[in-house]
Amino acid sequence: MPSFDAVLEPDMVAIRHAVENTKKEIATRFDFKGTSAAIELKEKEKEIQLVGDSDFQIEQISAVLLGKLTKQNVQVSFLDMSAKLEKIGGDKVRQTYKVRAGIDADLAKKIVAAIKNSKIKVQASIQGDEVRVTGKNRDDLQAAMALLKKEVTEAPLSFGNFRD
């Protein structure tokens, strides 16, 4: 029976390149000279830490990072930028962006509900941090993919493990 998996998987190599390019630009920009402006990618925790002297400087670093991510063709919606600024001694502040990987439970339920409400002859099941969609023919699966691309806009879904 044909099937595919809907997954939320960022390109960590492209994210690493964007962070490295941001580091280079921070090192060469005049307005960051002599400050504690820095950016660091923690791949195991899947987070990016921005450190600066003020919230304005964090915004500047963030703008550079988002530009570099766009150049690397990484969608910005992979980043969870909802974390608050935190003071880390003296006049320094830090902000942490989480890199979203894997479909969380709320989004998985929304995907399953969207497929069930569409009346396409496929079944969706949540399997860990991905959603498996199975159907009797390939055309129904392709219709389900098109539906998910249109309906689920808050996360950049990709489709893999297509079996015939």
C-alpha atoms as a PDB file:
ATOM      1  CA  MET A   1       0.000   0.000   0.000  1.00  0.00           C
ATOM      2  CA  PRO A   2       1.553   3.354  -1.031  1.00  0.00           C
ATOM      3  CA  SER A   3       2.540   5.740   1.754  1.00  0.00           C
ATOM      4  CA  PHE A   4       4.645   8.791   2.621  1.00  0.00           C
ATOM      5  CA  ASP A   5       5.828  10.542   5.767  1.00  0.00           C
ATOM      6  CA  ALA A   6       5.217  14.215   6.528  1.00  0.00           C
ATOM      7  CA  VAL A   7       8.212  15.463   8.533  1.00  0.00           C
ATOM      8  CA  LEU A   8       9.623  18.714   9.883  1.00  0.00           C
ATOM      9  CA  GLU A   9      13.366  18.440   9.298  1.00  0.00           C
ATOM     10  CA  PRO A  10      15.699  21.454   9.003  1.00  0.00           C
ATOM     11  CA  ASP A  11      18.905  21.392   6.965  1.00  0.00           C
ATOM     12  CA  MET A  12      21.402  21.664   9.839  1.00  0.00           C
ATOM     13  CA  VAL A  13      24.363  22.050   7.452  1.00  0.00           C
ATOM     14  CA  ALA A  14      22.793  25.134   5.876  1.00  0.00           C
ATOM     15  CA  ILE A  15      21.954  26.495   9.337  1.00  0.00           C
ATOM     16  CA  ARG A  16      25.579  25.948  10.428  1.00  0.00           C
ATOM     17  CA  HIS A  17      26.806  27.827   7.322  1.00  0.00           C
ATOM     18  CA  ALA A  18      24.430  30.708   8.048  1.00  0.00           C
ATOM     19  CA  VAL A  19      25.665  30.949  11.651  1.00  0.00           C
ATOM     20  CA  GLU A  20      29.318  30.855  10.531  1.00  0.00           C
ATOM     21  CA  ASN A  21      28.678  33.592   7.949  1.00  0.00           C
ATOM     22  CA  THR A  22      26.936  35.656  10.639  1.00  0.00           C
ATOM     23  CA  LYS A  23      30.001  35.231  12.895  1.00  0.00           C
ATOM     24  CA  LYS A  24      32.231  36.514  10.099  1.00  0.00           C
ATOM     25  CA  GLU A  25      30.028  39.533   9.497  1.00  0.00           C
ATOM     26  CA  ILE A  26      29.896  40.347  13.231  1.00  0.00           C
ATOM     27  CA  ALA A  27      33.706  40.230  13.340  1.00  0.00           C
ATOM     28  CA  THR A  28      34.076  42.679  10.438  1.00  0.00           C
ATOM     29  CA  ARG A  29      31.248  45.164  11.053  1.00  0.00           C
ATOM     30  CA  PHE A  30      32.281  48.494  12.517  1.00  0.00           C
ATOM     31  CA  ASP A  31      29.266  48.843  14.824  1.00  0.00           C
ATOM     32  CA  PHE A  32      30.150  45.530  16.544  1.00  0.00           C
ATOM     33  CA  LYS A  33      33.848  46.391  17.153  1.00  0.00           C
ATOM     34  CA  GLY A  34      34.789  46.260  20.833  1.00  0.00           C
ATOM     35  CA  THR A  35      31.457  44.793  21.928  1.00  0.00           C
ATOM     36  CA  SER A  36      30.523  41.377  23.240  1.00  0.00           C
ATOM     37  CA  ALA A  37      28.397  40.586  20.178  1.00  0.00           C
ATOM     38  CA  ALA A  38      28.544  36.865  19.432  1.00  0.00           C
ATOM     39  CA  ILE A  39      26.500  34.025  18.000  1.00  0.00           C
ATOM     40  CA  GLU A  40      26.840  30.299  18.666  1.00  0.00           C
ATOM     41  CA  LEU A  41      25.148  27.198  17.270  1.00  0.00           C
ATOM     42  CA  LYS A  42      24.637  24.302  19.688  1.00  0.00           C
ATOM     43  CA  GLU A  43      23.829  21.415  17.371  1.00  0.00           C
ATOM     44  CA  LYS A  44      23.081  18.786  20.023  1.00  0.00           C
ATOM     45  CA  GLU A  45      20.527  21.023  21.742  1.00  0.00           C
ATOM     46  CA  LYS A  46      19.389  22.393  18.352  1.00  0.00           C
ATOM     47  CA  GLU A  47      19.549  26.005  19.439  1.00  0.00           C
ATOM     48  CA  ILE A  48      21.265  29.233  18.418  1.00  0.00           C
ATOM     49  CA  GLN A  49      22.461  31.624  21.132  1.00  0.00           C
ATOM     50  CA  LEU A  50      22.854  35.343  20.446  1.00  0.00           C
ATOM     51  CA  VAL A  51      24.859  37.442  22.924  1.00  0.00           C
ATOM     52  CA  GLY A  52      25.126  41.227  22.893  1.00  0.00           C
ATOM     53  CA  ASP A  53      25.453  44.369  24.965  1.00  0.00           C
ATOM     54  CA  SER A  54      21.824  45.469  24.524  1.00  0.00           C
ATOM     55  CA  ASP A  55      18.519  44.334  23.092  1.00  0.00           C
ATOM     56  CA  PHE A  56      19.146  46.584  20.074  1.00  0.00           C
ATOM     57  CA  GLN A  57      22.386  44.736  19.366  1.00  0.00           C
ATOM     58  CA  ILE A  58      20.565  41.391  19.646  1.00  0.00           C
ATOM     59  CA  GLU A  59      18.052  42.669  17.076  1.00  0.00           C
ATOM     60  CA  GLN A  60      20.922  43.621  14.751  1.00  0.00           C
ATOM     61  CA  ILE A  61      22.539  40.177  15.093  1.00  0.00           C
ATOM     62  CA  SER A  62      19.144  38.557  14.535  1.00  0.00           C
ATOM     63  CA  ALA A  63      18.598  40.574  11.346  1.00  0.00           C
ATOM     64  CA  VAL A  64      21.993  39.478  10.008  1.00  0.00           C
ATOM     65  CA  LEU A  65      21.245  35.832  10.914  1.00  0.00           C
ATOM     66  CA  LEU A  66      17.838  35.867   9.222  1.00  0.00           C
ATOM     67  CA  GLY A  67      19.395  37.337   6.077  1.00  0.00           C
ATOM     68  CA  LYS A  68      22.059  34.627   6.019  1.00  0.00           C
ATOM     69  CA  LEU A  69      19.456  31.892   6.587  1.00  0.00           C
ATOM     70  CA  THR A  70      17.434  33.210   3.665  1.00  0.00           C
ATOM     71  CA  LYS A  71      20.529  33.136   1.435  1.00  0.00           C
ATOM     72  CA  GLN A  72      21.061  29.492   2.455  1.00  0.00           C
ATOM     73  CA  ASN A  73      17.425  28.705   1.465  1.00  0.00           C
ATOM     74  CA  VAL A  74      16.452  27.838   5.045  1.00  0.00           C
ATOM     75  CA  GLN A  75      12.940  28.901   5.950  1.00  0.00           C
ATOM     76  CA  VAL A  76      12.886  31.191   8.958  1.00  0.00           C
ATOM     77  CA  SER A  77       9.845  29.357  10.332  1.00  0.00           C
ATOM     78  CA  PHE A  78      12.232  26.592  11.472  1.00  0.00           C
ATOM     79  CA  LEU A  79      13.353  28.968  14.240  1.00  0.00           C
ATOM     80  CA  ASP A  80      11.313  29.377  17.406  1.00  0.00           C
ATOM     81  CA  MET A  81      12.152  32.976  18.320  1.00  0.00           C
ATOM     82  CA  SER A  82       9.677  33.297  21.198  1.00  0.00           C
ATOM     83  CA  ALA A  83      12.281  33.112  23.997  1.00  0.00           C
ATOM     84  CA  LYS A  84      12.691  36.208  26.151  1.00  0.00           C
ATOM     85  CA  LEU A  85      15.889  38.220  26.467  1.00  0.00           C
ATOM     86  CA  GLU A  86      17.821  37.266  29.571  1.00  0.00           C
ATOM     87  CA  LYS A  87      20.462  39.318  31.388  1.00  0.00           C
ATOM     88  CA  ILE A  88      23.744  37.464  31.919  1.00  0.00           C
ATOM     89  CA  GLY A  89      25.723  39.668  34.252  1.00  0.00           C
ATOM     90  CA  GLY A  90      26.845  43.220  33.788  1.00  0.00           C
ATOM     91  CA  ASP A  91      25.212  44.815  30.807  1.00  0.00           C
ATOM     92  CA  LYS A  92      25.149  41.733  28.581  1.00  0.00           C
ATOM     93  CA  VAL A  93      21.997  40.053  27.308  1.00  0.00           C
ATOM     94  CA  ARG A  94      21.379  36.709  25.640  1.00  0.00           C
ATOM     95  CA  GLN A  95      18.598  35.309  23.510  1.00  0.00           C
ATOM     96  CA  THR A  96      18.179  31.697  22.487  1.00  0.00           C
ATOM     97  CA  TYR A  97      16.457  30.559  19.298  1.00  0.00           C
ATOM     98  CA  LYS A  98      15.340  26.932  19.175  1.00  0.00           C
ATOM     99  CA  VAL A  99      15.601  25.097  15.852  1.00  0.00           C
ATOM    100  CA  ARG A 100      12.333  23.253  15.369  1.00  0.00           C
ATOM    101  CA  ALA A 101      12.750  19.638  14.319  1.00  0.00           C
ATOM    102  CA  GLY A 102      10.063  17.005  14.405  1.00  0.00           C
ATOM    103  CA  ILE A 103       6.334  17.560  14.345  1.00  0.00           C
ATOM    104  CA  ASP A 104       4.926  18.343  17.794  1.00  0.00           C
ATOM    105  CA  ALA A 105       1.675  16.752  18.988  1.00  0.00           C
ATOM    106  CA  ASP A 106      -0.583  19.763  18.317  1.00  0.00           C
ATOM    107  CA  LEU A 107       0.609  20.142  14.729  1.00  0.00           C
ATOM    108  CA  ALA A 108       0.348  16.374  14.136  1.00  0.00           C
ATOM    109  CA  LYS A 109      -3.281  16.418  15.336  1.00  0.00           C
ATOM    110  CA  LYS A 110      -4.004  19.354  13.032  1.00  0.00           C
ATOM    111  CA  ILE A 111      -2.487  17.464  10.063  1.00  0.00           C
ATOM    112  CA  VAL A 112      -4.532  14.323  10.804  1.00  0.00           C
ATOM    113  CA  ALA A 113      -7.715  16.394  11.212  1.00  0.00           C
ATOM    114  CA  ALA A 114      -7.094  18.253   7.942  1.00  0.00           C
ATOM    115  CA  ILE A 115      -6.675  14.973   6.066  1.00  0.00           C
ATOM    116  CA  LYS A 116      -9.796  13.441   7.628  1.00  0.00           C
ATOM    117  CA  ASN A 117     -11.912  16.533   6.899  1.00  0.00           C
ATOM    118  CA  SER A 118     -10.793  16.633   3.258  1.00  0.00           C
ATOM    119  CA  LYS A 119     -12.574  13.346   2.399  1.00  0.00           C
ATOM    120  CA  ILE A 120      -9.515  12.153   0.428  1.00  0.00           C
ATOM    121  CA  LYS A 121      -9.321   8.369   0.574  1.00  0.00           C
ATOM    122  CA  VAL A 122      -6.157   8.214   2.703  1.00  0.00           C
ATOM    123  CA  GLN A 123      -5.427   7.474   6.335  1.00  0.00           C
ATOM    124  CA  ALA A 124      -3.053   9.485   8.516  1.00  0.00           C
ATOM    125  CA  SER A 125      -1.384   8.195  11.662  1.00  0.00           C
ATOM    126  CA  ILE A 126       0.959   9.884  14.095  1.00  0.00           C
ATOM    127  CA  GLN A 127       4.242   8.001  14.510  1.00  0.00           C
ATOM    128  CA  GLY A 128       6.545   9.759  16.953  1.00  0.00           C
ATOM    129  CA  ASP A 129       7.549  13.096  15.482  1.00  0.00           C
ATOM    130  CA  GLU A 130       6.201  12.413  11.978  1.00  0.00           C
ATOM    131  CA  VAL A 131       2.863  11.672  10.352  1.00  0.00           C
ATOM    132  CA  ARG A 132       2.501   8.674   8.032  1.00  0.00           C
ATOM    133  CA  VAL A 133      -0.137   8.932   5.319  1.00  0.00           C
ATOM    134  CA  THR A 134      -1.249   5.766   3.496  1.00  0.00           C
ATOM    135  CA  GLY A 135      -3.682   5.285   0.642  1.00  0.00           C
ATOM    136  CA  LYS A 136      -4.661   2.874  -2.110  1.00  0.00           C
ATOM    137  CA  ASN A 137      -3.231   4.833  -5.028  1.00  0.00           C
ATOM    138  CA  ARG A 138      -0.560   7.396  -5.738  1.00  0.00           C
ATOM    139  CA  ASP A 139      -2.978  10.083  -6.938  1.00  0.00           C
ATOM    140  CA  ASP A 140      -4.713  10.225  -3.550  1.00  0.00           C
ATOM    141  CA  LEU A 141      -1.344  10.598  -1.820  1.00  0.00           C
ATOM    142  CA  GLN A 142      -0.362  13.429  -4.147  1.00  0.00           C
ATOM    143  CA  ALA A 143      -3.685  15.140  -3.440  1.00  0.00           C
ATOM    144  CA  ALA A 144      -2.985  14.776   0.297  1.00  0.00           C
ATOM    145  CA  MET A 145       0.478  16.342  -0.174  1.00  0.00           C
ATOM    146  CA  ALA A 146      -1.034  19.299  -2.031  1.00  0.00           C
ATOM    147  CA  LEU A 147      -3.648  19.692   0.697  1.00  0.00           C
ATOM    148  CA  LEU A 148      -1.012  19.710   3.460  1.00  0.00           C
ATOM    149  CA  LYS A 149       1.125  22.265   1.614  1.00  0.00           C
ATOM    150  CA  LYS A 150      -1.920  24.534   1.368  1.00  0.00           C
ATOM    151  CA  GLU A 151      -3.435  23.971   4.835  1.00  0.00           C
ATOM    152  CA  VAL A 152      -0.378  23.790   7.112  1.00  0.00           C
ATOM    153  CA  THR A 153       1.363  27.154   6.796  1.00  0.00           C
ATOM    154  CA  GLU A 154       2.916  27.525  10.259  1.00  0.00           C
ATOM    155  CA  ALA A 155       5.567  24.847   9.648  1.00  0.00           C
ATOM    156  CA  PRO A 156       7.668  24.055   6.562  1.00  0.00           C
ATOM    157  CA  LEU A 157       6.668  20.418   6.083  1.00  0.00           C
ATOM    158  CA  SER A 158       8.626  18.131   3.825  1.00  0.00           C
ATOM    159  CA  PHE A 159       7.581  14.741   2.521  1.00  0.00           C
ATOM    160  CA  GLY A 160       9.818  11.732   2.498  1.00  0.00           C
ATOM    161  CA  ASN A 161       9.913   7.951   2.563  1.00  0.00           C
ATOM    162  CA  PHE A 162       7.529   7.712  -0.386  1.00  0.00           C
ATOM    163  CA  ARG A 163       6.687   4.034  -0.940  1.00  0.00           C
ATOM    164  CA  ASP A 164       4.729   2.639  -3.826  1.00  0.00           C
END
